[in-house]
Amino acid sequence: DGELFTFDADMEWDIGTPWYRPTRVCHVVGGADYGWRSGNGKWPEYYVDSLPPVVNVGPGSPTGVTMGRGTRFPAEYRDAMFIADWSYGRVFVANLKPKGASYEADLQQFATASPLGVTDLVVRPQDGALYLSVGGRQTQSAVYRIVYDGPMQTSSTSASSNDAASQARALRQRLASASPDELSIDEIWPHLSSNDRFVRSAARCALEKRPIDGWFERGLVATDGMTRLQTLVAAARVGSSEIQSRWVQGLVRIPFDALSTTHKLTWLRTAALGVMRFDPIDSAAREAILNVVDKSFPLGDSDVDREFSHLLVRLKAPNLPARLLDRLETLGTQEETLDAAIALSVVSDGWTQDDRVRMLDWFDEAATLGGGRSSFGYLVAARDKFNAGIQGPERVPLAERLNKPYVNQPAELASANRPIVQEWKLDELVALAQSEQRRPDFEAGKKLFAAASCYQCHRIAGVGSAIGPDLTGVAHRFSLPDLLRSIVEPSHTISDQYQKTVFEVNGRLITGRVSNMSGDSLAVSTNMLDAKSEVSIRREDIEDQYPSKTSIMPEGLLNTLNKEEVIDLLGYLRAGGDANDPVYAP
């Protein structure tokens, strides 16, 4: 049918943040925005001006994608989508099923092994087999051929054979592609309130291509709430500040309290779009929106209250610190609290000294949070903004706390100072690991992962940092010798994702990773364990730059371990931190 799909990557640094988005299969349609933004600007799936994925997969590294057509597999696989994940050594099969104008999918693991670092996959129609290439990062490469050995079915039911779904997709495509001369506003209008999110999106995009004076006033008097909201979204995206007053009137006349949770989220996103696009909004518009939002917060729904918080901050609502602190102190998840803290950090007015102490107490507790490198980096930035907002006499009684270094040290990450036991060589470790003297001990391996400082840079089983790669699936992408080489000789192969850059600046060398690029300058982080260790470099002062040949991972990390401990730590790595892994089976 000419539909386009993609296997979208995640950003593992964002794990533990509210804006983390897992790897996912997306149905890519005309006019859509899937909400990728740099840093913490990534959109949640519920935004009215975005579209959801076909299926979320989870953490991973997308590599190959292919359809099953041409395979001599059972019928359900021939119309399925095969996707490869290098990090965890997996191939998934996504069985696509029509869902209105788009699709949904059942996701199943199709193939895995230790190791199976899949770099690509392709169907060869000549023999009906699926071919996988594996390797990468100078590990052992290979090509695998997967064939089906069984009775063949002569036909299959295509994922596109549903008549109603085919009609919905055809409608979506027509709305998205038709020029103003080919499709009138009257033809578009009914689809703004469609029950199908993909059709609604296409209708709104079609509206935006037409002159606003042909549909804006009509939308303001629409009796259907979704039609009015879609019109307001379109007007915020393409309209000028001249329509601000009428736009706000149309928004606030929608009875917010009577809306469903989904429609409340749509209303709040619409309001936020207007506040951003018509910036600066006048005082009358601000008060009109505040009159709706201020009296309804908090509602008790985490997503709705998140959008409330950000909108209240944008509108500079009165008495905000105490209200947002009350919410911050009662939230249950790390993602929710981080989002609330970031919102609070930019509030400049309404703080009492007691509120400031409460905020500092929360920051102290939050220093034990885990997650990717982004998590603590954004905490540091939020605390710095909060810190900078306290000036004059109000700063004096808090100065000692405000000036104290802010250090991330989750309990799981605590490492121990241990003496050197043996300077291990690669061949010695390979021989030890392959000797299978005994089965590894899970609890001992977990403790050693911390003692060897692994948590400082790596995540495993959802715990740790993301300065280096996630090690949960390391056994699925590295053979045992390759894994040991990466530990003993970390500079042998350095991934470009984690490689430092050497800058020659005015006769001196600065080595680190670029953490921010702004105009004529670069911010270079020289110590990945310290989010504040940044050096600013003017681009015009850079005489030369080149990749560093030294890994950020130090050598000799196993030298504090004896033979028994090496076996336990390797077992923990091979098991991906899972106590039920076959590595520990009797």
Foldseek 3Di string as FASTA:
>chain_A
DPWDKDFAPWDQLCFLALQTAHTAIATDDFPADQQDDPFSRGDDCLALRHHDGLDGDGHFAWAEKDALQLAQDEQQRNQWIWTAGQQQAWIKTWRWAQDALGTHTDIDTDDFDQARRFRYWDADNVHRWIKTWADPLPFDIDIDTHHDDDDGDPHHDHNCNPPRNVVRNVLLNCLRPPACVRADLVRLQVQCPDPDSSSVNSSLSSCLRDDLVVPLVVLLPDPDLSSVLSSLQSCLVRPALVCLVSSLVSLLVPQLVPDDPSVNSSSLSSVVSNVVSNPPDDPVSLVSVCVRLVVCPPPPDLSNNLSSLQSCLSSLPELNLVSLLVVLVPDDGSNSNLSSLQSNLQRQDNDDLVSLVSNLVVLLVCLQDFGELSSVLSSVVSLVSNLVSQDDPSCVVVVVSSPDDRARDHPLQAEDDFDFDALDDLVVLVCLQVVCPDFADLVLLSNLCNNLRVLLDEAFPSGGYPLDYHLLSVSHRHPPSRVSCCQQPVLPGDDPVNWWKWFQFPNDIQIADFPDDDDQWTWGQRQSNGSPRTDIDGNVRTPDMDTDSDGSRDHDSCRRDDSSSSNNNVLCSNNRSDPPRPSRPD
